[in-house]
C-alpha cells in the first residue's frame, strides 16, 4: 500500500470545510436546494446610487444606430448616460467596463430593455428620476392617446428651450435625404397609417422587419411630447432603407415619387393578410378604367381596369415665347384632372415603337387618400428639364364626381376631398431640394417643413408653390383614422388587367419606380 507523504492531505481533509461539517452531522447536502444559475446571476438593486447627479441629458441622443463605438456590434450595447456614447458589455474585459474606469462614468443604460446599471459596482439602479430617459429611448402611446392625435392640441419644449409641436417636427437631412424626409412627413398626415405605426409592436415569435420597425420608431419619436431635442434624426430608418434597397435610396438625392412607390409596395408585402389585402391598399389604392384603341382604327376599343396608388397629371408644355422674363405660366388643377373625364385622348407609342395607341381614362373607385403626381420633370436626350408651371388647386372641397365613370358613381357616394400634404421642389432639376407643406389638423394651421426648419404659412401661399406630390384626404375620414368602406359592387368590364403595386411580383427598386403604378 502507498502511504501519503507528510505534506499530503487526505480526501476527507481536502473536502470543503462546510461539506465536512454537514457530513459529520449526518447531512450529505442533497436535501437543500442549490441556487440556480439564474439566481446566482441576479443583479442586486439599489435606489441610493451616488452617481445619478453625473447624468447629462443634453448629450443623450437615441436617434442614431445603437452600435458599440469600438467593436461596431449591435449586441448587448449600453449607453453611457454621462457622455452619450455606446459601448458593448457590462462585465470585466468589456469595452463599457474599460470606458467606465478610464473616464469615471459609472451610470449606464441597456438600449434594449432600458435597465440602468452602475459599472463597475455591478448593481441595477432603480430610481423614478430615470423614467424620462427610458421614455425617450422607446416612446409608447396608448390607444386613447393615438385616437386623440388629430384633435388634441399639444405644444412641447425641449431641454434647450426649443418650442416644437409633436408630430410637426423637423427631420435632420442626412446625405441629401430631403426626398425621404418629405415622404415621412406625408405619412404622418395619413391618419390610418400613422395610427397603425404609432401602435405597432414587432412580433416576438419571428425576427422583426428593420424597415417597418424603424419607421414605427421614427414616427413615435416625432410624436414624443417629452423629447430632449426639438428635432428628430431619421438615422436608423435611413440605414434600414439603404440596406433593404441595396443602397438604391442612399447617399444621394432621389425622386420622392420613386421612394414613395417603393416604400408603399414594401409595406404592403409586409402587412399583407392571407386574402391579399392590406392597410396600404385600403388607404391608397384606387381603380382606373382605360379605353385603348389603335390610332389608325378608333373603332376597335379595348376596355381594361388598372389598380393604382398614384395618379399622374401631365402639365402642358411651357410656352416657347414669353411676354417678359418674369412670366410664370399657371394652370388650374381642374384642367389637369380632365385627363380622367373619359373623353380626353392621350396618344402614346405602343411597345416596340411600331404603332401608336390612343388612351382615355376615367375613375372607377376612389380611395380614402388620393395621391396626385404632377409630372414636372422630363428627361430629354441631353439632360433633365423641369417645367416651372404653377398648378392652382383648392385646399378644401375638391370634388372628383365628374371624373368617375357613370356606371361606378353609386359605388363612390363620397367624392369630396381636402388637401393634407403638398410636396414641392425648389431649384434646378439636379441640384434642387424638396420641402413639404402639411395641414396640422389639431391647430387647423398650415406648416412648411424643410428638413429642420418648421415655419407656419398662410393657406394662400400653399397654392403658389411648384407642387410635385399632393395628398388629398376624403371628407368621410374621421379624426381617429376610420373611414367608410362602400361594399356596393363595381360593375365589371370585359377585360381586366392588373398592374402596379397590386401585382404580386418581386421588383427591383429601379424597375418599380418605372412600373405601371403611375397611370399614363
Protein backbone atom coordinates (compact mmCIF):
# COMPACT_ATOMS: atom_id res chain seq x y z
CA UNK A 1 0.00 0.00 0.00
CA UNK A 2 1.17 3.50 -0.88
CA UNK A 3 1.25 5.81 2.10
CA UNK A 4 0.65 9.53 1.82
CA UNK A 5 3.62 11.76 2.35
CA UNK A 6 3.91 14.03 5.33
CA UNK A 7 2.70 17.10 3.38
CA UNK A 8 -0.25 15.38 1.67
CA UNK A 9 -3.89 15.80 2.75
CA UNK A 10 -6.40 13.02 2.92
CA UNK A 11 -9.52 13.13 0.74
CA UNK A 12 -11.66 13.91 3.77
CA UNK A 13 -9.41 16.82 4.75
CA UNK A 14 -9.36 18.01 1.12
CA UNK A 15 -13.16 18.45 1.05
CA UNK A 16 -14.56 21.93 1.82
CA UNK A 17 -14.97 22.71 5.47
CA UNK A 18 -18.78 23.27 5.29
CA UNK A 19 -19.28 19.97 3.46
CA UNK A 20 -17.26 18.09 6.08
CA UNK A 21 -19.36 19.61 8.85
CA UNK A 22 -22.60 18.63 7.07
CA UNK A 23 -21.27 15.08 6.58
CA UNK A 24 -20.33 14.81 10.26
CA UNK A 25 -23.82 15.94 11.24
CA UNK A 26 -25.31 13.20 9.05
CA UNK A 27 -26.42 15.65 6.31
CA UNK A 28 -24.92 14.98 2.87
CA UNK A 29 -26.35 18.25 1.48
CA UNK A 30 -28.72 16.70 -1.09
CA UNK A 31 -31.86 17.82 0.71
CA UNK A 32 -31.06 21.55 0.50
CA UNK A 33 -31.97 23.14 -2.91
CA UNK A 34 -28.93 24.62 -4.57
CA UNK A 35 -29.25 28.11 -6.10
CA UNK A 36 -29.84 28.01 -9.87
CA UNK A 37 -27.52 29.76 -12.32
CA UNK A 38 -30.14 32.48 -12.90
CA UNK A 39 -30.43 33.15 -9.15
CA UNK A 40 -26.66 33.24 -8.88
CA UNK A 41 -26.56 35.76 -11.74
CA UNK A 42 -29.32 38.00 -10.37
CA UNK A 43 -28.14 41.60 -10.15
CA UNK A 44 -28.68 43.39 -6.84
CA UNK A 45 -30.88 46.50 -6.96
CA UNK A 46 -30.22 49.80 -5.23
CA UNK A 47 -32.18 53.04 -5.01
CA UNK A 48 -29.39 55.13 -3.48
CA UNK A 49 -26.88 55.34 -6.34
CA UNK A 50 -24.45 58.20 -5.56
CA UNK A 51 -23.66 58.82 -9.26
CA UNK A 52 -27.13 59.87 -10.50
CA UNK A 53 -26.04 63.51 -10.39
CA UNK A 54 -23.46 62.87 -13.13
CA UNK A 55 -26.12 62.07 -15.79
CA UNK A 56 -26.12 64.64 -18.62
CA UNK A 57 -29.43 64.60 -20.51
CA UNK A 58 -28.24 67.23 -23.01
CA UNK A 59 -25.82 64.80 -24.71
CA UNK A 60 -28.20 61.81 -24.89
CA UNK A 61 -29.26 61.05 -28.46
CA UNK A 62 -31.20 57.84 -29.08
CA UNK A 63 -31.83 58.55 -32.78
CA UNK A 64 -28.58 57.04 -34.01
CA UNK A 65 -27.86 53.35 -34.53
CA UNK A 66 -27.20 51.53 -31.26
CA UNK A 67 -23.74 50.22 -32.16
CA UNK A 68 -20.65 49.88 -29.96
CA UNK A 69 -18.20 52.72 -30.65
CA UNK A 70 -15.24 50.28 -30.64
CA UNK A 71 -16.42 46.92 -31.98
CA UNK A 72 -19.34 48.28 -34.13
CA UNK A 73 -21.56 45.42 -32.98
CA UNK A 74 -25.23 45.80 -32.05
CA UNK A 75 -25.41 43.03 -29.44
CA UNK A 76 -25.56 43.77 -25.71
CA UNK A 77 -24.98 47.51 -26.16
CA UNK A 78 -25.10 50.01 -23.30
CA UNK A 79 -25.22 53.79 -23.46
CA UNK A 80 -23.08 55.94 -21.16
CA UNK A 81 -25.56 58.35 -19.53
CA UNK A 82 -22.73 60.83 -18.82
CA UNK A 83 -21.37 61.38 -22.34
CA UNK A 84 -23.97 59.61 -24.53
CA UNK A 85 -21.58 57.12 -26.17
CA UNK A 86 -22.43 53.49 -26.91
CA UNK A 87 -20.26 50.56 -25.77
CA UNK A 88 -20.69 46.81 -25.61
CA UNK A 89 -20.99 44.66 -22.49
CA UNK A 90 -21.16 45.21 -18.75
CA UNK A 91 -18.75 42.67 -17.27
CA UNK A 92 -15.00 42.82 -16.92
CA UNK A 93 -12.84 42.94 -20.04
CA UNK A 94 -15.68 44.65 -21.99
CA UNK A 95 -15.48 48.00 -23.76
CA UNK A 96 -18.11 49.57 -21.49
CA UNK A 97 -16.28 48.41 -18.34
CA UNK A 98 -12.99 49.82 -19.61
CA UNK A 99 -14.58 53.15 -20.61
CA UNK A 100 -16.26 53.44 -17.19
CA UNK A 101 -12.93 53.06 -15.37
CA UNK A 102 -10.96 55.31 -17.75
CA UNK A 103 -13.43 58.21 -17.75
CA UNK A 104 -15.10 57.76 -14.37
CA UNK A 105 -18.57 57.40 -15.95
CA UNK A 106 -20.47 54.92 -13.82
CA UNK A 107 -24.16 55.12 -14.86
CA UNK A 108 -25.12 53.02 -17.94
CA UNK A 109 -28.38 52.02 -19.62
CA UNK A 110 -29.16 48.92 -21.68
CA UNK A 111 -30.51 50.11 -25.06
CA UNK A 112 -32.88 47.13 -25.42
CA UNK A 113 -34.79 46.96 -22.13
CA UNK A 114 -33.91 50.39 -20.64
CA UNK A 115 -32.47 48.98 -17.39
CA UNK A 116 -29.88 51.22 -15.71
CA UNK A 117 -26.75 49.78 -14.09
CA UNK A 118 -23.79 51.09 -12.16
CA UNK A 119 -20.49 49.94 -13.67
CA UNK A 120 -18.14 48.63 -12.24
CA UNK A 121 -20.09 48.14 -8.99
CA UNK A 122 -22.49 45.86 -10.86
CA UNK A 123 -25.85 46.77 -9.29
CA UNK A 124 -29.06 47.88 -11.02
CA UNK A 125 -30.24 51.42 -10.30
CA UNK A 126 -33.96 51.75 -9.53
CA UNK A 127 -34.99 55.40 -9.44
CA UNK A 128 -38.06 57.29 -10.65
CA UNK A 129 -35.91 60.17 -11.92
CA UNK A 130 -34.73 57.91 -14.77
CA UNK A 131 -38.23 57.42 -16.22
CA UNK A 132 -37.88 60.34 -18.67
CA UNK A 133 -34.69 58.84 -20.14
CA UNK A 134 -36.33 55.41 -20.50
CA UNK A 135 -39.35 57.01 -22.22
CA UNK A 136 -37.11 58.87 -24.68
CA UNK A 137 -35.32 55.64 -25.52
CA UNK A 138 -38.60 53.99 -26.58
CA UNK A 139 -41.69 56.26 -26.54
CA UNK A 140 -45.05 54.47 -26.33
CA UNK A 141 -48.66 55.60 -26.72
CA UNK A 142 -51.88 54.03 -25.52
CA UNK A 143 -54.92 53.70 -27.77
CA UNK A 144 -56.69 56.74 -26.32
CA UNK A 145 -53.67 58.99 -26.94
CA UNK A 146 -53.37 57.74 -30.53
CA UNK A 147 -57.05 58.42 -31.27
CA UNK A 148 -56.72 61.99 -29.90
CA UNK A 149 -53.67 62.81 -32.06
CA UNK A 150 -55.75 64.57 -34.73
CA UNK A 151 -57.88 66.62 -32.31
CA UNK A 152 -55.80 67.40 -29.20
CA UNK A 153 -53.53 70.44 -29.43
CA UNK A 154 -50.14 69.79 -27.81
CA UNK A 155 -47.14 72.07 -27.51
CA UNK A 156 -43.81 70.92 -26.11
CA UNK A 157 -40.49 72.38 -25.02
CA UNK A 158 -37.11 70.67 -25.42
CA UNK A 159 -34.31 70.70 -22.81
CA UNK A 160 -32.55 73.56 -24.60
CA UNK A 161 -35.73 75.67 -24.56
CA UNK A 162 -36.76 74.96 -28.18
CA UNK A 163 -40.51 75.03 -28.72
CA UNK A 164 -41.94 72.39 -31.02
CA UNK A 165 -45.25 70.73 -31.91
CA UNK A 166 -45.25 66.91 -31.55
CA UNK A 167 -45.96 65.41 -34.95
CA UNK A 168 -44.96 68.59 -36.76
CA UNK A 169 -41.22 68.48 -36.08
CA UNK A 170 -38.14 68.92 -38.27
CA UNK A 171 -36.11 65.96 -39.56
CA UNK A 172 -32.35 66.01 -39.96
CA UNK A 173 -31.04 65.90 -43.54
CA UNK A 174 -28.54 63.02 -43.87
CA UNK A 175 -26.65 62.93 -47.20
CA UNK A 176 -29.36 64.67 -49.26
CA UNK A 177 -32.19 62.69 -47.68
CA UNK A 178 -34.74 65.51 -48.08
CA UNK A 179 -36.71 63.29 -50.51
CA UNK A 180 -37.13 60.69 -47.73
CA UNK A 181 -37.96 63.29 -45.10
CA UNK A 182 -40.90 64.70 -47.10
CA UNK A 183 -42.39 61.20 -47.56
CA UNK A 184 -42.12 60.53 -43.80
CA UNK A 185 -43.91 63.84 -43.15
CA UNK A 186 -46.59 62.83 -45.67
CA UNK A 187 -47.11 59.50 -43.83
CA UNK A 188 -47.70 61.50 -40.63
CA UNK A 189 -50.69 63.15 -42.36
CA UNK A 190 -52.27 59.83 -43.44
CA UNK A 191 -54.21 59.18 -40.24
CA UNK A 192 -54.98 55.40 -40.54
CA UNK A 193 -51.38 54.54 -41.46
CA UNK A 194 -49.95 56.88 -38.82
CA UNK A 195 -52.13 55.41 -36.07
CA UNK A 196 -51.17 51.87 -37.07
CA UNK A 197 -47.44 52.70 -36.94
CA UNK A 198 -47.73 54.51 -33.59
CA UNK A 199 -49.29 51.39 -32.05
CA UNK A 200 -47.09 48.90 -33.94
CA UNK A 201 -45.17 46.32 -31.91
CA UNK A 202 -42.80 43.87 -33.66
CA UNK A 203 -43.91 40.23 -33.35
CA UNK A 204 -41.93 38.30 -30.75
CA UNK A 205 -42.20 34.91 -32.48
CA UNK A 206 -40.16 35.95 -35.52
CA UNK A 207 -37.39 38.36 -36.41
CA UNK A 208 -38.56 41.95 -36.66
CA UNK A 209 -38.58 43.70 -40.03
CA UNK A 210 -35.98 46.52 -39.91
CA UNK A 211 -37.74 48.98 -42.26
CA UNK A 212 -41.19 48.62 -40.66
CA UNK A 213 -39.79 48.73 -37.10
CA UNK A 214 -37.54 51.73 -37.76
CA UNK A 215 -40.39 53.64 -39.47
CA UNK A 216 -42.69 52.97 -36.49
CA UNK A 217 -39.95 54.07 -34.03
CA UNK A 218 -39.30 57.22 -36.08
CA UNK A 219 -42.98 58.24 -36.01
CA UNK A 220 -43.19 57.60 -32.25
CA UNK A 221 -40.16 59.86 -31.72
CA UNK A 222 -41.73 62.56 -33.92
CA UNK A 223 -44.88 62.49 -31.77
CA UNK A 224 -42.97 62.29 -28.45
CA UNK A 225 -44.10 65.25 -26.28
CA UNK A 226 -41.15 64.74 -23.85
CA UNK A 227 -38.34 64.84 -26.41
CA UNK A 228 -34.96 66.12 -25.16
CA UNK A 229 -34.38 67.87 -28.52
CA UNK A 230 -36.63 69.93 -30.77
CA UNK A 231 -35.78 67.75 -33.78
CA UNK A 232 -35.55 64.10 -34.81
CA UNK A 233 -32.78 62.41 -36.81
CA UNK A 234 -34.04 59.57 -39.10
CA UNK A 235 -30.64 57.85 -38.96
CA UNK A 236 -31.82 54.29 -38.19
CA UNK A 237 -34.62 54.48 -40.77
CA UNK A 238 -32.17 55.83 -43.37
CA UNK A 239 -29.76 52.96 -42.73
CA UNK A 240 -32.56 50.36 -42.89
CA UNK A 241 -33.77 51.78 -46.24
CA UNK A 242 -30.22 51.71 -47.66
CA UNK A 243 -29.79 48.09 -46.63
CA UNK A 244 -33.20 46.96 -47.94
CA UNK A 245 -32.71 48.65 -51.35
CA UNK A 246 -29.04 47.68 -51.82
CA UNK A 247 -28.21 51.40 -51.46
CA UNK A 248 -30.54 52.49 -54.26
CA UNK A 249 -32.01 55.11 -51.90
CA UNK A 250 -28.84 56.00 -50.04
CA UNK A 251 -26.17 58.71 -50.12
CA UNK A 252 -27.61 60.81 -52.96
CA UNK A 253 -30.81 62.61 -53.82
CA UNK A 254 -33.54 60.57 -55.50
CA UNK A 255 -37.08 61.05 -56.74
CA UNK A 256 -39.59 61.11 -53.83
CA UNK A 257 -42.24 59.53 -56.11
CA UNK A 258 -39.97 56.52 -56.73
CA UNK A 259 -39.22 56.27 -52.99
CA UNK A 260 -42.91 56.56 -52.05
CA UNK A 261 -43.94 53.84 -54.52
CA UNK A 262 -41.13 51.52 -53.33
CA UNK A 263 -41.96 52.09 -49.63
CA UNK A 264 -45.71 51.53 -50.08
CA UNK A 265 -45.07 48.34 -52.06
CA UNK A 266 -42.66 47.12 -49.36
CA UNK A 267 -45.12 47.88 -46.52
CA UNK A 268 -47.93 46.19 -48.47
CA UNK A 269 -45.89 42.99 -48.73
CA UNK A 270 -45.07 43.03 -45.02
CA UNK A 271 -48.61 43.86 -43.82
CA UNK A 272 -50.48 41.68 -46.31
CA UNK A 273 -53.22 39.42 -44.98
CA UNK A 274 -53.98 35.94 -46.28
CA UNK A 275 -56.64 37.29 -48.68
CA UNK A 276 -54.08 39.65 -50.26
CA UNK A 277 -55.49 42.86 -48.75
CA UNK A 278 -53.50 45.27 -46.59
CA UNK A 279 -53.89 48.62 -44.85
CA UNK A 280 -51.79 50.23 -47.61
CA UNK A 281 -54.22 49.12 -50.34
CA UNK A 282 -57.25 50.07 -48.24
CA UNK A 283 -55.91 53.60 -47.81
CA UNK A 284 -54.26 54.41 -51.15
CA UNK A 285 -55.40 52.03 -53.89
CA UNK A 286 -57.92 53.24 -56.44
CA UNK A 287 -59.09 51.88 -59.77
CA UNK A 288 -58.91 53.49 -63.21
CA UNK A 289 -60.71 52.43 -66.39
CA UNK A 290 -58.65 52.67 -69.58
CA UNK A 291 -60.12 52.70 -73.09
CA UNK A 292 -57.43 51.68 -75.55
CA UNK A 293 -57.58 51.78 -79.33
CA UNK A 294 -55.08 51.95 -82.21
CA UNK A 295 -54.54 55.41 -83.67
CA UNK A 296 -55.39 54.08 -87.15
CA UNK A 297 -58.68 52.44 -86.13
CA UNK A 298 -60.51 54.16 -83.28
CA UNK A 299 -63.47 51.82 -83.61
CA UNK A 300 -61.51 48.92 -82.11
CA UNK A 301 -61.76 49.86 -78.44
CA UNK A 302 -60.45 47.61 -75.65
CA UNK A 303 -61.52 48.46 -72.11
CA UNK A 304 -59.34 47.49 -69.16
CA UNK A 305 -59.13 48.43 -65.50
CA UNK A 306 -55.92 49.17 -63.67
CA UNK A 307 -55.32 49.42 -59.95
CA UNK A 308 -53.14 52.31 -58.93
CA UNK A 309 -51.81 54.14 -55.88
CA UNK A 310 -50.62 57.24 -57.74
CA UNK A 311 -52.44 59.36 -60.30
CA UNK A 312 -50.18 61.20 -62.72
CA UNK A 313 -51.19 64.62 -64.04
CA UNK A 314 -49.49 65.92 -67.21
CA UNK A 315 -48.57 69.59 -67.29
CA UNK A 316 -48.99 71.49 -70.57
CA UNK A 317 -45.71 72.39 -72.26
CA UNK A 318 -44.09 75.63 -71.20
CA UNK A 319 -44.84 78.40 -73.75
CA UNK A 320 -41.99 78.97 -76.17
CA UNK A 321 -42.48 82.75 -76.48
CA UNK A 322 -42.99 84.71 -73.24
CA UNK A 323 -44.24 88.26 -72.79
CA UNK A 324 -41.44 89.03 -70.31
CA UNK A 325 -38.64 87.24 -68.48
CA UNK A 326 -40.55 87.05 -65.20
CA UNK A 327 -43.53 85.29 -66.78
CA UNK A 328 -44.52 82.07 -64.94
CA UNK A 329 -47.34 80.07 -66.53
CA UNK A 330 -50.25 78.92 -64.35
CA UNK A 331 -52.82 76.18 -64.86
CA UNK A 332 -55.78 75.14 -62.66
CA UNK A 333 -55.80 71.61 -61.22
CA UNK A 334 -59.20 71.03 -62.86
CA UNK A 335 -57.59 71.38 -66.30
CA UNK A 336 -55.15 68.59 -65.42
CA UNK A 337 -57.94 66.40 -63.99
CA UNK A 338 -59.69 66.44 -67.38
CA UNK A 339 -57.36 63.53 -68.16
CA UNK A 340 -59.84 61.34 -66.23
CA UNK A 341 -63.09 62.57 -67.83
CA UNK A 342 -63.20 59.56 -70.18
CA UNK A 343 -63.13 61.73 -73.33
CA UNK A 344 -59.72 63.39 -73.48
CA UNK A 345 -57.41 61.37 -75.72
CA UNK A 346 -53.76 60.63 -74.87
CA UNK A 347 -51.66 59.37 -77.72
CA UNK A 348 -48.81 57.02 -76.80
CA UNK A 349 -46.34 54.91 -78.71
CA UNK A 350 -47.06 51.22 -78.31
CA UNK A 351 -44.45 48.73 -77.18
CA UNK A 352 -41.88 48.18 -79.89
CA UNK A 353 -42.43 51.67 -81.29
CA UNK A 354 -44.16 50.40 -84.43
CA UNK A 355 -47.64 51.76 -83.82
CA UNK A 356 -49.45 54.47 -81.88
CA UNK A 357 -52.23 54.00 -79.35
CA UNK A 358 -54.92 56.31 -78.03
CA UNK A 359 -55.90 56.02 -74.37
CA UNK A 360 -58.83 57.53 -72.47
CA UNK A 361 -59.07 57.38 -68.68
CA UNK A 362 -61.88 57.52 -66.14
CA UNK A 363 -62.01 56.70 -62.43
CA UNK A 364 -63.81 53.58 -61.20
CA UNK A 365 -63.04 53.63 -57.47
CA UNK A 366 -61.53 56.46 -55.45
CA UNK A 367 -59.62 55.61 -52.23
CA UNK A 368 -59.73 57.47 -48.86
CA UNK A 369 -56.43 59.15 -49.76
CA UNK A 370 -55.71 60.23 -53.33
CA UNK A 371 -52.07 60.90 -54.30
CA UNK A 372 -51.60 63.16 -57.34
CA UNK A 373 -48.18 63.38 -59.02
CA UNK A 374 -47.60 66.44 -61.24
CA UNK A 375 -45.12 65.46 -63.95
CA UNK A 376 -42.65 68.34 -63.77
CA UNK A 377 -39.50 66.55 -64.91
CA UNK A 378 -38.77 65.28 -68.38
CA UNK A 379 -35.63 63.53 -69.48
CA UNK A 380 -34.60 64.53 -72.99
CA UNK A 381 -31.59 63.22 -74.86
CA UNK A 382 -29.13 65.50 -73.05
CA UNK A 383 -30.36 66.47 -69.58
CA UNK A 384 -33.36 66.58 -67.23
CA UNK A 385 -35.56 69.63 -67.73
CA UNK A 386 -38.13 70.96 -65.30
CA UNK A 387 -41.47 72.55 -66.13
CA UNK A 388 -41.97 75.55 -63.77
CA UNK A 389 -45.73 75.86 -64.40
CA UNK A 390 -47.62 76.62 -61.18
CA UNK A 391 -50.71 74.50 -60.54
CA UNK A 392 -53.50 76.31 -58.69
CA UNK A 393 -55.69 73.99 -56.62
CA UNK A 394 -58.37 74.13 -53.90
CA UNK A 395 -57.35 73.35 -50.32
CA UNK A 396 -60.80 72.09 -49.37
CA UNK A 397 -63.75 70.56 -51.18
CA UNK A 398 -62.10 69.10 -54.30
CA UNK A 399 -64.95 67.13 -55.94
CA UNK A 400 -63.99 64.17 -58.14
CA UNK A 401 -67.55 63.14 -59.03
CA UNK A 402 -67.27 64.44 -62.61
CA UNK A 403 -64.27 62.16 -63.26
CA UNK A 404 -65.88 58.91 -62.05
CA UNK A 405 -67.27 56.56 -64.68
CA UNK A 406 -71.11 56.89 -64.77
CA UNK A 407 -71.59 53.17 -64.04
CA UNK A 408 -69.40 53.40 -60.90
CA UNK A 409 -70.83 56.56 -59.29
CA UNK A 410 -73.26 54.68 -56.95
CA UNK A 411 -70.29 52.74 -55.52
CA UNK A 412 -68.50 56.04 -54.64
CA UNK A 413 -71.00 58.08 -52.60
CA UNK A 414 -68.35 60.36 -51.01
CA UNK A 415 -66.32 62.24 -53.63
CA UNK A 416 -65.10 65.41 -51.85
CA UNK A 417 -61.50 65.74 -50.69
CA UNK A 418 -59.38 68.13 -48.60
CA UNK A 419 -55.65 68.70 -49.09
CA UNK A 420 -53.46 67.45 -46.21
CA UNK A 421 -49.93 67.47 -47.71
CA UNK A 422 -48.19 69.19 -50.61
CA UNK A 423 -44.62 68.25 -51.61
CA UNK A 424 -42.78 70.97 -53.57
CA UNK A 425 -39.49 71.15 -55.45
CA UNK A 426 -37.27 74.24 -55.32
CA UNK A 427 -34.32 74.96 -57.58
CA UNK A 428 -32.86 73.26 -60.61
CA UNK A 429 -33.72 69.64 -61.51
CA UNK A 430 -30.37 68.12 -60.46
CA UNK A 431 -29.43 70.40 -57.55
CA UNK A 432 -32.79 71.44 -56.08
CA UNK A 433 -34.35 70.43 -52.78
CA UNK A 434 -37.71 69.12 -51.62
CA UNK A 435 -39.94 70.56 -48.91
CA UNK A 436 -43.44 69.72 -47.76
CA UNK A 437 -46.41 71.78 -46.62
CA UNK A 438 -48.68 69.93 -44.20
CA UNK A 439 -52.04 70.69 -42.62
CA UNK A 440 -51.85 70.30 -38.84
CA UNK A 441 -55.45 69.38 -38.02
CA UNK A 442 -55.41 69.99 -34.20
CA UNK A 443 -54.45 73.66 -34.73
CA UNK A 444 -56.06 73.93 -38.22
CA UNK A 445 -52.88 75.59 -39.44
CA UNK A 446 -50.53 75.02 -42.38
CA UNK A 447 -46.82 74.46 -41.73
CA UNK A 448 -43.94 74.35 -44.19
CA UNK A 449 -41.29 71.78 -43.22
CA UNK A 450 -37.94 71.99 -44.99
CA UNK A 451 -35.69 69.45 -43.22
CA UNK A 452 -35.10 71.01 -39.76
CA UNK A 453 -36.96 74.27 -40.41
CA UNK A 454 -40.65 74.34 -39.48
CA UNK A 455 -42.50 77.58 -40.23
CA UNK A 456 -46.23 78.42 -40.25
CA UNK A 457 -47.53 79.56 -43.65
CA UNK A 458 -50.73 81.18 -44.84
CA UNK A 459 -53.13 78.91 -46.75
CA UNK A 460 -52.96 81.33 -49.70
CA UNK A 461 -49.20 80.69 -50.02
CA UNK A 462 -49.62 76.92 -50.32
CA UNK A 463 -51.10 77.15 -53.81
CA UNK A 464 -48.24 79.32 -55.12
CA UNK A 465 -45.54 76.66 -54.94
CA UNK A 466 -44.19 74.27 -57.57
CA UNK A 467 -46.22 71.28 -56.39
CA UNK A 468 -44.88 67.83 -57.17
CA UNK A 469 -46.91 65.44 -54.97
CA UNK A 470 -50.31 66.22 -53.48
CA UNK A 471 -52.16 64.09 -50.94
CA UNK A 472 -55.91 64.64 -50.60
CA UNK A 473 -58.00 63.13 -47.78
CA UNK A 474 -61.60 62.11 -48.37
CA UNK A 475 -64.02 64.05 -46.17
CA UNK A 476 -65.54 60.93 -44.60
CA UNK A 477 -62.20 60.00 -42.93
CA UNK A 478 -62.70 60.59 -39.19
CA UNK A 479 -60.17 62.01 -36.74
CA UNK A 480 -59.43 58.54 -35.30
CA UNK A 481 -58.47 57.24 -38.77
CA UNK A 482 -61.64 55.25 -39.52
CA UNK A 483 -63.34 55.66 -42.89
CA UNK A 484 -66.36 54.30 -44.69
CA UNK A 485 -65.92 51.17 -46.79
CA UNK A 486 -68.52 51.10 -49.53
CA UNK A 487 -69.37 47.50 -50.27
CA UNK A 488 -71.53 48.16 -53.33
CA UNK A 489 -70.03 46.12 -56.18
CA UNK A 490 -68.50 47.96 -59.10
CA UNK A 491 -69.78 46.64 -62.44
CA UNK A 492 -67.20 44.58 -64.28
CA UNK A 493 -65.87 45.26 -67.75
CA UNK A 494 -64.85 42.80 -70.41
CA UNK A 495 -61.09 42.66 -69.92
CA UNK A 496 -59.20 43.00 -66.64
CA UNK A 497 -55.54 43.89 -66.45
CA UNK A 498 -53.88 44.45 -63.07
CA UNK A 499 -50.69 46.42 -62.99
CA UNK A 500 -48.59 48.27 -60.50
CA UNK A 501 -48.40 47.77 -56.78
CA UNK A 502 -51.27 45.29 -56.85
CA UNK A 503 -49.24 42.88 -58.95
CA UNK A 504 -47.60 40.19 -56.83
CA UNK A 505 -44.19 40.44 -58.46
CA UNK A 506 -40.88 40.96 -56.73
CA UNK A 507 -39.42 44.01 -58.45
CA UNK A 508 -36.13 45.79 -58.11
CA UNK A 509 -36.45 49.36 -56.77
CA UNK A 510 -35.33 50.96 -60.02
CA UNK A 511 -37.84 48.87 -62.00
CA UNK A 512 -40.62 49.58 -59.52
CA UNK A 513 -40.19 53.33 -59.92
CA UNK A 514 -40.92 52.96 -63.63
CA UNK A 515 -43.68 50.37 -63.23
CA UNK A 516 -47.35 50.70 -64.05
CA UNK A 517 -48.30 52.18 -60.71
CA UNK A 518 -48.10 55.56 -62.40
CA UNK A 519 -51.02 55.67 -64.78
CA UNK A 520 -50.16 57.23 -68.11
